[in-house]
C-alpha atoms as a PDB file:
ATOM      1  CA  MET A   1       8.744  10.639  20.434  1.00  0.00           C
ATOM      2  CA  GLN A   2       9.260  10.179  16.225  1.00  0.00           C
ATOM      3  CA  GLN A   3       6.721  13.469  15.806  1.00  0.00           C
ATOM      4  CA  MET A   4       8.753  15.592  18.392  1.00  0.00           C
ATOM      5  CA  GLN A   5      11.836  14.709  16.622  1.00  0.00           C
ATOM      6  CA  TRP A   6      10.772  16.111  14.009  1.00  0.00           C
ATOM      7  CA  LEU A   7       9.006  19.131  14.748  1.00  0.00           C
ATOM      8  CA  HIS A   8      12.379  19.981  16.817  1.00  0.00           C
ATOM      9  CA  ARG A   9      14.724  19.308  14.219  1.00  0.00           C
ATOM     10  CA  GLU A  10      14.853  22.847  12.800  1.00  0.00           C
ATOM     11  CA  GLU A  11      13.425  26.190  13.922  1.00  0.00           C
ATOM     12  CA  PRO A  12      11.698  28.083  11.059  1.00  0.00           C
ATOM     13  CA  GLU A  13      12.122  31.052  12.599  1.00  0.00           C
ATOM     14  CA  THR A  14      15.657  31.202  12.017  1.00  0.00           C
ATOM     15  CA  GLN A  15      15.515  29.279   8.553  1.00  0.00           C
ATOM     16  CA  PRO A  16      15.287  31.397   5.169  1.00  0.00           C
ATOM     17  CA  MET A  17      11.644  29.972   3.229  1.00  0.00           C
ATOM     18  CA  SER A  18      14.293  28.828   0.836  1.00  0.00           C
ATOM     19  CA  GLU A  19      15.265  26.490   2.982  1.00  0.00           C
ATOM     20  CA  PHE A  20      11.544  24.970   3.240  1.00  0.00           C
ATOM     21  CA  LEU A  21       9.110  23.081   0.263  1.00  0.00           C
ATOM     22  CA  THR A  22       5.630  24.187   0.256  1.00  0.00           C
ATOM     23  CA  THR A  23       3.118  21.753   0.698  1.00  0.00           C
ATOM     24  CA  ARG A  24       2.550  22.013  -3.599  1.00  0.00           C
ATOM     25  CA  GLN A  25       5.958  21.372  -3.869  1.00  0.00           C
ATOM     26  CA  LEU A  26       5.677  18.109  -1.654  1.00  0.00           C
ATOM     27  CA  GLN A  27       2.822  17.067  -3.841  1.00  0.00           C
ATOM     28  CA  GLU A  28       4.673  17.148  -6.910  1.00  0.00           C
ATOM     29  CA  ILE A  29       7.883  15.164  -5.413  1.00  0.00           C
ATOM     30  CA  LEU A  30       5.619  12.839  -3.559  1.00  0.00           C
ATOM     31  CA  HIS A  31       2.945  12.641  -5.954  1.00  0.00           C
ATOM     32  CA  VAL A  32       0.206  12.371  -3.174  1.00  0.00           C
ATOM     33  CA  ASP A  33      -2.257  14.489  -2.259  1.00  0.00           C
ATOM     34  CA  ARG A  34      -2.754  17.668  -0.015  1.00  0.00           C
ATOM     35  CA  THR A  35      -4.738  15.514   2.372  1.00  0.00           C
ATOM     36  CA  THR A  36      -2.539  12.316   2.801  1.00  0.00           C
ATOM     37  CA  ILE A  37       0.489  15.050   3.264  1.00  0.00           C
ATOM     38  CA  TYR A  38      -1.067  16.873   6.160  1.00  0.00           C
ATOM     39  CA  ARG A  39      -2.036  13.389   7.916  1.00  0.00           C
ATOM     40  CA  MET A  40       1.507  12.531   7.096  1.00  0.00           C
ATOM     41  CA  ALA A  41       2.739  14.815   9.012  1.00  0.00           C
ATOM     42  CA  ASP A  42       0.289  14.678  11.841  1.00  0.00           C
ATOM     43  CA  ASP A  43       1.205  11.434  12.048  1.00  0.00           C
ATOM     44  CA  GLY A  44       4.957  12.014  12.458  1.00  0.00           C
ATOM     45  CA  ARG A  45       5.756  10.283   9.660  1.00  0.00           C
ATOM     46  CA  ILE A  46       7.570  13.050   7.382  1.00  0.00           C
ATOM     47  CA  PRO A  47       9.776  15.573   8.402  1.00  0.00           C
ATOM     48  CA  ALA A  48       7.595  18.462   9.248  1.00  0.00           C
ATOM     49  CA  VAL A  49       7.237  21.961  11.506  1.00  0.00           C
ATOM     50  CA  LYS A  50       3.995  23.762  12.377  1.00  0.00           C
ATOM     51  CA  VAL A  51       3.904  27.294  12.329  1.00  0.00           C
ATOM     52  CA  GLY A  52       0.713  29.174  13.561  1.00  0.00           C
ATOM     53  CA  SER A  53      -1.773  26.633  11.489  1.00  0.00           C
ATOM     54  CA  GLN A  54       0.497  25.508   8.774  1.00  0.00           C
ATOM     55  CA  TRP A  55       2.814  22.881   8.081  1.00  0.00           C
ATOM     56  CA  ARG A  56       6.501  23.547   6.777  1.00  0.00           C
ATOM     57  CA  PHE A  57       8.498  20.843   5.436  1.00  0.00           C
ATOM     58  CA  PRO A  58      12.333  21.226   5.855  1.00  0.00           C
ATOM     59  CA  ARG A  59      14.013  20.951   2.434  1.00  0.00           C
ATOM     60  CA  ARG A  60      17.532  19.066   3.750  1.00  0.00           C
ATOM     61  CA  SER A  61      15.186  16.881   6.407  1.00  0.00           C
ATOM     62  CA  ILE A  62      13.309  16.005   3.370  1.00  0.00           C
ATOM     63  CA  GLU A  63      15.709  15.071   1.343  1.00  0.00           C
ATOM     64  CA  GLY A  64      17.669  13.241   3.576  1.00  0.00           C
ATOM     65  CA  TRP A  65      13.960  11.196   4.424  1.00  0.00           C
ATOM     66  CA  LEU A  66      13.566  10.365   1.028  1.00  0.00           C
ATOM     67  CA  LYS A  67      16.768   8.708   0.734  1.00  0.00           C
ATOM     68  CA  THR A  68      15.878   6.167   3.727  1.00  0.00           C
ATOM     69  CA  GLN A  69      12.357   5.733   2.452  1.00  0.00           C
ATOM     70  CA  SER A  70      11.602   1.596   1.292  1.00  0.00           C
ATOM     71  CA  PRO A  71      11.121   0.852  -1.577  1.00  0.00           C
ATOM     72  CA  VAL A  72      13.486   3.491  -2.734  1.00  0.00           C
ATOM     73  CA  GLY A  73      17.163   2.243  -2.905  1.00  0.00           C
ATOM     74  CA  ALA A  74      16.124  -1.083  -1.441  1.00  0.00           C
ATOM     75  CA  THR A  75      14.820  -4.164  -3.119  1.00  0.00           C
ATOM     76  CA  VAL A  76      12.297  -6.569  -1.301  1.00  0.00           C
ATOM     77  CA  GLN A  77      15.336  -9.418  -0.817  1.00  0.00           C
ATOM     78  CA  ASP A  78      17.315  -6.816   0.454  1.00  0.00           C
ATOM     79  CA  MET A  79      15.063  -6.410   3.737  1.00  0.00           C
ATOM     80  CA  PRO A  80      14.620  -8.928   6.362  1.00  0.00           C
ATOM     81  CA  ALA A  81      11.752 -10.765   6.528  1.00  0.00           C
ATOM     82  CA  GLN A  82       8.610  -9.440   7.963  1.00  0.00           C
ATOM     83  CA  ASN A  83       8.117 -11.326  11.343  1.00  0.00           C
ATOM     84  CA  GLY A  84       4.232 -13.000  10.803  1.00  0.00           C
ATOM     85  CA  SER A  85       3.663 -12.757  14.488  1.00  0.00           C
ATOM     86  CA  GLU A  86       4.677  -9.245  15.005  1.00  0.00           C
ATOM     87  CA  LEU A  87       2.913  -8.217  12.045  1.00  0.00           C
ATOM     88  CA  SER A  88      -0.608  -9.887  12.962  1.00  0.00           C
ATOM     89  CA  LYS A  89      -0.311  -8.511  16.432  1.00  0.00           C
ATOM     90  CA  LEU A  90      -0.050  -4.815  15.067  1.00  0.00           C
ATOM     91  CA  LEU A  91      -2.761  -5.663  12.470  1.00  0.00           C
ATOM     92  CA  PRO A  92      -6.335  -6.460  13.805  1.00  0.00           C
ATOM     93  CA  ILE A  93      -7.218  -8.828  11.156  1.00  0.00           C
ATOM     94  CA  GLU A  94     -10.976  -8.740  11.924  1.00  0.00           C
ATOM     95  CA  CYS A  95     -11.139  -4.873  12.187  1.00  0.00           C
ATOM     96  CA  VAL A  96      -9.299  -4.269   9.351  1.00  0.00           C
ATOM     97  CA  GLN A  97     -11.142  -7.373   7.065  1.00  0.00           C
ATOM     98  CA  ARG A  98     -14.088  -5.211   7.738  1.00  0.00           C
ATOM     99  CA  ILE A  99     -12.535  -1.987   6.227  1.00  0.00           C
ATOM    100  CA  GLN A 100     -10.995  -3.671   3.347  1.00  0.00           C
ATOM    101  CA  ASP A 101     -14.092  -5.518   2.604  1.00  0.00           C
ATOM    102  CA  THR A 102     -16.539  -2.383   2.298  1.00  0.00           C
ATOM    103  CA  PHE A 103     -13.709  -0.274   0.536  1.00  0.00           C
ATOM    104  CA  ALA A 104     -13.771  -3.534  -1.946  1.00  0.00           C
ATOM    105  CA  ASP A 105     -17.565  -2.703  -2.576  1.00  0.00           C
ATOM    106  CA  MET A 106     -17.868   0.518  -2.953  1.00  0.00           C
ATOM    107  CA  LEU A 107     -14.744   0.802  -5.794  1.00  0.00           C
ATOM    108  CA  GLY A 108     -15.836  -2.587  -7.380  1.00  0.00           C
ATOM    109  CA  VAL A 109     -12.234  -3.801  -7.186  1.00  0.00           C
ATOM    110  CA  MET A 110     -10.187  -6.830  -5.304  1.00  0.00           C
ATOM    111  CA  LEU A 111      -8.580  -6.158  -2.226  1.00  0.00           C
ATOM    112  CA  VAL A 112      -6.185  -7.900   0.043  1.00  0.00           C
ATOM    113  CA  VAL A 113      -3.277  -6.675   2.440  1.00  0.00           C
ATOM    114  CA  THR A 114      -0.114  -8.278   2.014  1.00  0.00           C
ATOM    115  CA  ASP A 115       3.120  -8.652   4.248  1.00  0.00           C
ATOM    116  CA  LEU A 116       6.177  -7.112   1.732  1.00  0.00           C
ATOM    117  CA  HIS A 117       6.852 -10.698  -0.045  1.00  0.00           C
ATOM    118  CA  GLY A 118       3.582 -10.977  -1.322  1.00  0.00           C
ATOM    119  CA  GLN A 119       2.084 -12.941   1.530  1.00  0.00           C
ATOM    120  CA  PRO A 120      -1.513 -12.464   2.084  1.00  0.00           C
ATOM    121  CA  VAL A 121      -2.330 -11.356   5.673  1.00  0.00           C
ATOM    122  CA  THR A 122      -5.724 -10.884   5.174  1.00  0.00           C
ATOM    123  CA  GLU A 123      -8.818 -12.614   3.056  1.00  0.00           C
ATOM    124  CA  PRO A 124      -8.929 -10.906  -0.362  1.00  0.00           C
ATOM    125  CA  SER A 125     -12.085  -8.958  -0.339  1.00  0.00           C
ATOM    126  CA  HIS A 126     -14.672  -8.755  -3.593  1.00  0.00           C
ATOM    127  CA  PRO A 127     -12.058 -11.593  -5.526  1.00  0.00           C
ATOM    128  CA  CYS A 128     -13.116 -11.592  -9.717  1.00  0.00           C
ATOM    129  CA  SER A 129     -13.855 -15.135 -10.851  1.00  0.00           C
ATOM    130  CA  LEU A 130     -10.229 -15.446 -12.664  1.00  0.00           C
ATOM    131  CA  PHE A 131      -8.456 -14.186  -9.603  1.00  0.00           C
ATOM    132  CA  ALA A 132     -10.326 -17.427  -7.954  1.00  0.00           C
ATOM    133  CA  MET A 133      -9.297 -19.697 -10.731  1.00  0.00           C
ATOM    134  CA  ALA A 134      -5.587 -18.615 -10.929  1.00  0.00           C
ATOM    135  CA  GLU A 135      -5.717 -19.431  -6.938  1.00  0.00           C
ATOM    136  CA  ARG A 136      -6.395 -23.334  -7.631  1.00  0.00           C
ATOM    137  CA  SER A 137      -3.343 -23.429  -9.790  1.00  0.00           C
ATOM    138  CA  PRO A 138      -0.211 -23.627  -7.830  1.00  0.00           C
ATOM    139  CA  ALA A 139       2.174 -22.002 -10.601  1.00  0.00           C
ATOM    140  CA  ALA A 140      -0.286 -19.086 -11.003  1.00  0.00           C
ATOM    141  CA  GLN A 141      -0.780 -18.489  -7.174  1.00  0.00           C
ATOM    142  CA  HIS A 142       3.195 -18.493  -6.710  1.00  0.00           C
ATOM    143  CA  GLN A 143       3.538 -15.742  -9.735  1.00  0.00           C
ATOM    144  CA  CYS A 144       0.767 -13.815  -8.298  1.00  0.00           C
ATOM    145  CA  ARG A 145       3.070 -13.599  -4.970  1.00  0.00           C
ATOM    146  CA  GLN A 146       6.230 -12.725  -6.812  1.00  0.00           C
ATOM    147  CA  GLU A 147       3.969 -10.018  -8.820  1.00  0.00           C
ATOM    148  CA  TRP A 148       2.442  -8.582  -5.494  1.00  0.00           C
ATOM    149  CA  ALA A 149       5.964  -8.946  -3.693  1.00  0.00           C
ATOM    150  CA  ALA A 150       7.481  -6.263  -6.907  1.00  0.00           C
ATOM    151  CA  LEU A 151       4.989  -3.769  -6.447  1.00  0.00           C
ATOM    152  CA  ALA A 152       7.107  -3.115  -3.151  1.00  0.00           C
ATOM    153  CA  ASN A 153      10.035  -2.426  -5.317  1.00  0.00           C
ATOM    154  CA  GLN A 154       7.986   0.576  -7.431  1.00  0.00           C
ATOM    155  CA  PRO A 155      10.659   2.921  -6.819  1.00  0.00           C
ATOM    156  CA  SER A 156       7.271   5.888  -6.923  1.00  0.00           C
ATOM    157  CA  LEU A 157       4.914   6.613  -4.402  1.00  0.00           C
ATOM    158  CA  GLN A 158       2.182   7.284  -5.960  1.00  0.00           C
ATOM    159  CA  PRO A 159       0.105   4.164  -6.511  1.00  0.00           C
ATOM    160  CA  THR A 160       0.083   3.426 -10.363  1.00  0.00           C
ATOM    161  CA  PHE A 161      -0.983   0.533 -12.599  1.00  0.00           C
ATOM    162  CA  GLY A 162       0.978  -2.448 -13.458  1.00  0.00           C
ATOM    163  CA  ARG A 163       0.136  -5.891 -15.264  1.00  0.00           C
ATOM    164  CA  SER A 164      -0.142  -8.852 -13.581  1.00  0.00           C
ATOM    165  CA  HIS A 165       0.944 -12.152 -15.737  1.00  0.00           C
ATOM    166  CA  LEU A 166      -2.984 -12.780 -16.446  1.00  0.00           C
ATOM    167  CA  GLY A 167      -3.407  -9.141 -17.917  1.00  0.00           C
ATOM    168  CA  LEU A 168      -5.479  -7.925 -15.432  1.00  0.00           C
ATOM    169  CA  LEU A 169      -4.136  -4.460 -13.815  1.00  0.00           C
ATOM    170  CA  HIS A 170      -3.149  -4.362 -10.062  1.00  0.00           C
ATOM    171  CA  THR A 171      -1.715  -1.360  -8.077  1.00  0.00           C
ATOM    172  CA  ARG A 172      -0.650  -0.764  -4.368  1.00  0.00           C
ATOM    173  CA  GLY A 173      -0.559   1.608  -1.343  1.00  0.00           C
ATOM    174  CA  LEU A 174       2.071   1.620   1.105  1.00  0.00           C
ATOM    175  CA  ILE A 175       1.518   0.565   5.347  1.00  0.00           C
ATOM    176  CA  ARG A 176       4.088   1.820   7.001  1.00  0.00           C
ATOM    177  CA  VAL A 177       4.302   2.031  10.754  1.00  0.00           C
ATOM    178  CA  GLY A 178       5.969   5.259  11.929  1.00  0.00           C
ATOM    179  CA  SER A 179       8.883   5.589   9.182  1.00  0.00           C
ATOM    180  CA  GLU A 180       9.193   1.551   8.637  1.00  0.00           C
ATOM    181  CA  LEU A 181       7.242   0.320   6.003  1.00  0.00           C
ATOM    182  CA  LYS A 182       5.734  -2.903   7.139  1.00  0.00           C
ATOM    183  CA  ALA A 183       3.158  -4.132   4.509  1.00  0.00           C
ATOM    184  CA  MET A 184       0.985  -3.244   1.456  1.00  0.00           C
ATOM    185  CA  LEU A 185      -3.130  -2.711   0.654  1.00  0.00           C
ATOM    186  CA  VAL A 186      -2.861  -4.834  -3.041  1.00  0.00           C
ATOM    187  CA  VAL A 187      -5.852  -3.867  -5.655  1.00  0.00           C
ATOM    188  CA  GLY A 188      -6.378  -6.263  -8.545  1.00  0.00           C
ATOM    189  CA  GLY A 189      -8.646  -7.960 -10.649  1.00  0.00           C
ATOM    190  CA  ILE A 190      -9.379  -4.832 -12.901  1.00  0.00           C
ATOM    191  CA  ALA A 191      -9.437  -5.519 -16.791  1.00  0.00           C
ATOM    192  CA  PRO A 192      -6.982  -3.208 -18.930  1.00  0.00           C
ATOM    193  CA  ALA A 193      -8.250  -1.250 -21.558  1.00  0.00           C
ATOM    194  CA  VAL A 194      -8.545  -4.257 -24.190  1.00  0.00           C
ATOM    195  CA  TRP A 195     -10.319  -6.914 -23.041  1.00  0.00           C
ATOM    196  CA  PRO A 196     -11.099 -10.181 -22.908  1.00  0.00           C
ATOM    197  CA  PRO A 197      -7.895 -11.278 -24.553  1.00  0.00           C
ATOM    198  CA  ALA A 198      -7.917 -12.821 -28.239  1.00  0.00           C
ATOM    199  CA  SER A 199      -8.790 -16.481 -28.453  1.00  0.00           C
ATOM    200  CA  THR A 200      -4.593 -17.452 -29.147  1.00  0.00           C
ATOM    201  CA  GLU A 201      -4.092 -16.021 -25.830  1.00  0.00           C
ATOM    202  CA  VAL A 202      -7.215 -17.724 -24.080  1.00  0.00           C
ATOM    203  CA  ALA A 203      -6.288 -21.435 -25.398  1.00  0.00           C
ATOM    204  CA  ARG A 204      -2.648 -20.303 -24.031  1.00  0.00           C
ATOM    205  CA  MET A 205      -4.276 -19.017 -20.440  1.00  0.00           C
ATOM    206  CA  ALA A 206      -6.520 -22.225 -20.361  1.00  0.00           C
ATOM    207  CA  GLU A 207      -3.195 -24.609 -20.911  1.00  0.00           C
ATOM    208  CA  TYR A 208      -1.648 -22.566 -18.250  1.00  0.00           C
ATOM    209  CA  LEU A 209      -4.059 -22.340 -16.155  1.00  0.00           C
ATOM    210  CA  ASP A 210      -5.397 -26.550 -16.518  1.00  0.00           C
ATOM    211  CA  VAL A 211      -8.730 -25.537 -16.954  1.00  0.00           C
ATOM    212  CA  PRO A 212     -11.219 -25.991 -19.711  1.00  0.00           C
ATOM    213  CA  GLU A 213     -11.385 -22.839 -21.980  1.00  0.00           C
ATOM    214  CA  ALA A 214     -15.138 -22.759 -21.773  1.00  0.00           C
ATOM    215  CA  ASP A 215     -14.981 -22.168 -18.112  1.00  0.00           C
ATOM    216  CA  LEU A 216     -11.938 -19.760 -18.734  1.00  0.00           C
ATOM    217  CA  THR A 217     -13.782 -18.173 -20.921  1.00  0.00           C
ATOM    218  CA  LYS A 218     -16.362 -17.251 -18.402  1.00  0.00           C
ATOM    219  CA  ALA A 219     -13.934 -16.609 -15.393  1.00  0.00           C
ATOM    220  CA  LEU A 220     -12.840 -13.363 -17.905  1.00  0.00           C
ATOM    221  CA  ASN A 221     -16.076 -12.296 -18.332  1.00  0.00           C
ATOM    222  CA  GLY A 222     -16.244 -11.932 -14.610  1.00  0.00           C
ATOM    223  CA  VAL A 223     -13.391  -9.504 -13.747  1.00  0.00           C
ATOM    224  CA  PHE A 224     -13.900  -5.619 -13.328  1.00  0.00           C
ATOM    225  CA  VAL A 225     -14.079  -3.588 -16.001  1.00  0.00           C
ATOM    226  CA  LEU A 226     -14.130   0.256 -15.039  1.00  0.00           C
ATOM    227  CA  THR A 227     -14.326   3.594 -16.988  1.00  0.00           C
ATOM    228  CA  ASN A 228     -11.004   5.386 -17.045  1.00  0.00           C
ATOM    229  CA  ASP A 229     -12.815   8.009 -14.165  1.00  0.00           C
ATOM    230  CA  GLN A 230     -13.284   4.601 -12.244  1.00  0.00           C
ATOM    231  CA  LYS A 231      -9.767   3.391 -12.640  1.00  0.00           C
ATOM    232  CA  GLN A 232      -8.410   7.175 -11.338  1.00  0.00           C
ATOM    233  CA  GLN A 233     -10.757   6.798  -8.223  1.00  0.00           C
ATOM    234  CA  VAL A 234      -9.108   3.865  -7.429  1.00  0.00           C
ATOM    235  CA  LEU A 235      -5.668   4.995  -7.800  1.00  0.00           C
ATOM    236  CA  GLY A 236      -6.864   8.106  -5.540  1.00  0.00           C
ATOM    237  CA  TYR A 237      -8.142   5.920  -3.172  1.00  0.00           C
ATOM    238  CA  VAL A 238      -5.405   3.024  -2.680  1.00  0.00           C
ATOM    239  CA  GLN A 239      -3.123   4.960  -0.564  1.00  0.00           C
ATOM    240  CA  ARG A 240      -5.664   6.509   1.905  1.00  0.00           C
ATOM    241  CA  ILE A 241      -7.078   3.061   2.472  1.00  0.00           C
ATOM    242  CA  ALA A 242      -3.315   1.880   3.301  1.00  0.00           C
ATOM    243  CA  ASP A 243      -2.770   5.008   5.414  1.00  0.00           C
ATOM    244  CA  ILE A 244      -6.199   4.061   7.446  1.00  0.00           C
ATOM    245  CA  VAL A 245      -4.612   0.605   8.122  1.00  0.00           C
ATOM    246  CA  ALA A 246      -1.170   1.836   8.985  1.00  0.00           C
ATOM    247  CA  HIS A 247      -2.908   4.501  11.490  1.00  0.00           C
ATOM    248  CA  ILE A 248      -4.644   1.594  13.027  1.00  0.00           C
ATOM    249  CA  MET A 249      -1.445  -0.175  13.187  1.00  0.00           C
ATOM    250  CA  ASN A 250       0.273   3.066  14.615  1.00  0.00           C
ATOM    251  CA  GLU A 251      -2.133   3.466  17.491  1.00  0.00           C
ATOM    252  CA  ARG A 252      -1.988  -0.394  18.289  1.00  0.00           C
ATOM    253  CA  SER A 253       2.038   0.149  18.315  1.00  0.00           C
ATOM    254  CA  VAL A 254       1.742   2.822  20.159  1.00  0.00           C
ATOM    255  CA  LEU A 255      -0.605   1.129  22.774  1.00  0.00           C
ATOM    256  CA  PHE A 256       1.528  -2.028  23.132  1.00  0.00           C
ATOM    257  CA  THR A 257       4.939   0.226  23.871  1.00  0.00           C
ATOM    258  CA  LYS A 258       2.853   1.651  26.877  1.00  0.00           C
ATOM    259  CA  LEU A 259       1.404  -1.232  28.121  1.00  0.00           C
ATOM    260  CA  ARG A 260       5.317  -2.881  27.834  1.00  0.00           C
ATOM    261  CA  ASN A 261       5.978   0.353  29.909  1.00  0.00           C
ATOM    262  CA  ILE A 262       3.778   0.044  32.550  1.00  0.00           C
ATOM    263  CA  ALA A 263       4.725  -3.788  32.770  1.00  0.00           C
ATOM    264  CA  GLU A 264       8.276  -2.600  33.353  1.00  0.00           C
ATOM    265  CA  LEU A 265       6.928   0.354  35.989  1.00  0.00           C
ATOM    266  CA  THR A 266       5.811  -2.658  37.906  1.00  0.00           C
ATOM    267  CA  ARG A 267       8.726  -4.999  38.391  1.00  0.00           C
ATOM    268  CA  ILE A 268      10.576  -2.046  39.741  1.00  0.00           C
END
């Protein structure tokens, strides 16, 4: 029903072309590729009308839609906590885990699906040795979850790299069901341009993680070192992978709605 609402909100025949954004203009606004825009239009996740084989995007509807999108204009603290059981129902863990594992191996990075508060929903795929070491430290684990939660507050829809408290690069793709932000696909474990850290920083990290410096040095050598092209490939894939997970969740949401409707009809 949501898709039909967008499709019939505006009639392109009665609107001047200046009232519509082109796909290229929308790409510049959202910082996503053309394929993602078409997929969002097909799924009814963005205001769009179809004329023949071409999508058009009502300017006013897009402006209104952008104002309602999370995380723009809202923080995780402002959002209601996601019901874990609801998220687990919409997310077929075993299926998504296999997809996540495959892409993590293909891209050579760590992937994990989290809720909006940074709590993992899937098991991390292809974690680096430094992440595994940090997970054994309560303080580092807590800080990591806070940093993941902060990714939901990034205003840009385009994935960009940020720096974790351990110095590694991470980014995220947004997972929506309908127009509602439900979860994130987090990518991490990537070494920055200058790596490993200086000896003084290594000593500080060893004290922070409460591990011997020799063990930490081995872990530092086990993070994922990517070329600039590979980093750009990761940024190009993260939202596309998140969209796959979102598509699965949307399909399950539609199915559950149909089943509930059928159940209600059987009671009449």
